Amino acid sequence: DWSIATEDIVKRAWKASSCSAHNLVLMAMGKLGAMELNLSSDIDLIVLSNAPATKESLKALDEFRGILNDVDENGFCYRVDFDLRPG
């Protein structure tokens, strides 16, 4: 249930940001990608594009990350990790 709800929230955040206007594709890895998310999990995401990053596309990604990750008076929604490394 955590994974299904999170997938819906991530899709809504993606649409609320301008990422789809830059032909970017989002892929979930880790526990979200395996649909095994639990209460303490972060969400590991990879963004794919068929073109090099532009200033505008990076700004859109930062907007998306901020929707989910930035802390406000209510806390934050998810810890988002775009910095996945091999090993």
C-alpha atoms as a PDB file:
ATOM      1  CA  ASP A   1       0.000   0.000   0.000  1.00  0.00           C
ATOM      2  CA  TRP A   2       2.882   2.408   0.769  1.00  0.00           C
ATOM      3  CA  SER A   3       4.316   1.891  -2.717  1.00  0.00           C
ATOM      4  CA  ILE A   4       0.994   2.376  -4.495  1.00  0.00           C
ATOM      5  CA  ALA A   5       0.227   5.588  -2.604  1.00  0.00           C
ATOM      6  CA  THR A   6       3.766   6.888  -3.146  1.00  0.00           C
ATOM      7  CA  GLU A   7       3.635   6.145  -6.866  1.00  0.00           C
ATOM      8  CA  ASP A   8       0.463   8.247  -7.097  1.00  0.00           C
ATOM      9  CA  ILE A   9       2.014  11.112  -5.117  1.00  0.00           C
ATOM     10  CA  VAL A  10       5.192  11.048  -7.226  1.00  0.00           C
ATOM     11  CA  LYS A  11       3.143  11.127 -10.447  1.00  0.00           C
ATOM     12  CA  ARG A  12       1.181  14.123  -9.155  1.00  0.00           C
ATOM     13  CA  ALA A  13       4.387  15.950  -8.198  1.00  0.00           C
ATOM     14  CA  TRP A  14       5.880  15.169 -11.635  1.00  0.00           C
ATOM     15  CA  LYS A  15       2.809  16.657 -13.345  1.00  0.00           C
ATOM     16  CA  ALA A  16       2.838  19.691 -11.019  1.00  0.00           C
ATOM     17  CA  SER A  17       6.439  20.425 -11.971  1.00  0.00           C
ATOM     18  CA  SER A  18       7.415  21.263 -15.544  1.00  0.00           C
ATOM     19  CA  CYS A  19       9.470  18.065 -16.038  1.00  0.00           C
ATOM     20  CA  SER A  20       7.159  16.498 -18.616  1.00  0.00           C
ATOM     21  CA  ALA A  21       7.520  19.598 -20.803  1.00  0.00           C
ATOM     22  CA  HIS A  22      11.247  18.797 -21.123  1.00  0.00           C
ATOM     23  CA  ASN A  23      10.728  15.222 -22.384  1.00  0.00           C
ATOM     24  CA  LEU A  24      12.187  13.745 -19.210  1.00  0.00           C
ATOM     25  CA  VAL A  25      11.314  10.238 -18.042  1.00  0.00           C
ATOM     26  CA  LEU A  26      11.238   9.201 -14.396  1.00  0.00           C
ATOM     27  CA  MET A  27      12.200   5.709 -13.199  1.00  0.00           C
ATOM     28  CA  ALA A  28      11.863   4.426  -9.649  1.00  0.00           C
ATOM     29  CA  MET A  29      14.632   2.245  -8.265  1.00  0.00           C
ATOM     30  CA  GLY A  30      15.167   0.607  -4.887  1.00  0.00           C
ATOM     31  CA  LYS A  31      12.206  -0.239  -2.699  1.00  0.00           C
ATOM     32  CA  LEU A  32       9.767   1.966  -4.615  1.00  0.00           C
ATOM     33  CA  GLY A  33      10.812   0.411  -7.923  1.00  0.00           C
ATOM     34  CA  ALA A  34      10.311  -3.049  -6.424  1.00  0.00           C
ATOM     35  CA  MET A  35       6.993  -1.940  -4.857  1.00  0.00           C
ATOM     36  CA  GLU A  36       8.392  -2.810  -1.394  1.00  0.00           C
ATOM     37  CA  LEU A  37       8.398   0.663   0.148  1.00  0.00           C
ATOM     38  CA  ASN A  38       8.043   0.947   3.919  1.00  0.00           C
ATOM     39  CA  LEU A  39       7.465   3.839   6.296  1.00  0.00           C
ATOM     40  CA  SER A  40      11.157   4.709   6.707  1.00  0.00           C
ATOM     41  CA  SER A  41      12.235   4.298   3.061  1.00  0.00           C
ATOM     42  CA  ASP A  42      13.606   7.079   0.924  1.00  0.00           C
ATOM     43  CA  ILE A  43      12.689   7.063  -2.750  1.00  0.00           C
ATOM     44  CA  ASP A  44      15.480   6.416  -5.244  1.00  0.00           C
ATOM     45  CA  LEU A  45      14.789   7.973  -8.624  1.00  0.00           C
ATOM     46  CA  ILE A  46      16.558   8.121 -11.970  1.00  0.00           C
ATOM     47  CA  VAL A  47      15.676  10.655 -14.661  1.00  0.00           C
ATOM     48  CA  LEU A  48      16.287   9.805 -18.302  1.00  0.00           C
ATOM     49  CA  SER A  49      16.452  12.118 -21.295  1.00  0.00           C
ATOM     50  CA  ASN A  50      17.343  11.757 -24.939  1.00  0.00           C
ATOM     51  CA  ALA A  51      19.085  15.140 -24.879  1.00  0.00           C
ATOM     52  CA  PRO A  52      21.756  16.754 -22.698  1.00  0.00           C
ATOM     53  CA  ALA A  53      20.543  18.590 -19.608  1.00  0.00           C
ATOM     54  CA  THR A  54      19.660  22.237 -20.038  1.00  0.00           C
ATOM     55  CA  LYS A  55      19.346  24.982 -17.476  1.00  0.00           C
ATOM     56  CA  GLU A  56      15.561  24.780 -17.835  1.00  0.00           C
ATOM     57  CA  SER A  57      15.369  20.986 -17.430  1.00  0.00           C
ATOM     58  CA  LEU A  58      17.586  21.109 -14.334  1.00  0.00           C
ATOM     59  CA  LYS A  59      15.346  23.825 -12.907  1.00  0.00           C
ATOM     60  CA  ALA A  60      12.297  21.615 -13.560  1.00  0.00           C
ATOM     61  CA  LEU A  61      13.984  18.690 -11.777  1.00  0.00           C
ATOM     62  CA  ASP A  62      14.810  20.891  -8.811  1.00  0.00           C
ATOM     63  CA  GLU A  63      11.171  22.005  -8.707  1.00  0.00           C
ATOM     64  CA  PHE A  64      10.016  18.361  -8.720  1.00  0.00           C
ATOM     65  CA  ARG A  65      12.493  17.375  -6.010  1.00  0.00           C
ATOM     66  CA  GLY A  66      11.413  20.358  -3.940  1.00  0.00           C
ATOM     67  CA  ILE A  67       7.734  19.400  -4.068  1.00  0.00           C
ATOM     68  CA  LEU A  68       8.567  16.068  -2.439  1.00  0.00           C
ATOM     69  CA  ASN A  69      11.680  16.803  -0.398  1.00  0.00           C
ATOM     70  CA  ASP A  70      11.734  20.401   0.863  1.00  0.00           C
ATOM     71  CA  VAL A  71      10.845  20.997   4.500  1.00  0.00           C
ATOM     72  CA  ASP A  72       8.115  23.501   5.358  1.00  0.00           C
ATOM     73  CA  GLU A  73       5.935  24.130   8.415  1.00  0.00           C
ATOM     74  CA  ASN A  74       4.275  20.731   7.831  1.00  0.00           C
ATOM     75  CA  GLY A  75       7.531  18.790   7.435  1.00  0.00           C
ATOM     76  CA  PHE A  76       8.370  17.013   4.178  1.00  0.00           C
ATOM     77  CA  CYS A  77       6.756  14.334   2.045  1.00  0.00           C
ATOM     78  CA  TYR A  78       9.686  12.057   1.047  1.00  0.00           C
ATOM     79  CA  ARG A  79      13.452  11.916   1.135  1.00  0.00           C
ATOM     80  CA  VAL A  80      14.347  11.911  -2.552  1.00  0.00           C
ATOM     81  CA  ASP A  81      17.684  10.516  -3.739  1.00  0.00           C
ATOM     82  CA  PHE A  82      18.809  11.439  -7.268  1.00  0.00           C
ATOM     83  CA  ASP A  83      22.465  10.753  -6.415  1.00  0.00           C
ATOM     84  CA  LEU A  84      22.525   6.993  -6.909  1.00  0.00           C
ATOM     85  CA  ARG A  85      25.987   5.517  -7.300  1.00  0.00           C
ATOM     86  CA  PRO A  86      27.116   2.097  -8.444  1.00  0.00           C
ATOM     87  CA  GLY A  87      28.127  -0.177  -5.574  1.00  0.00           C
END
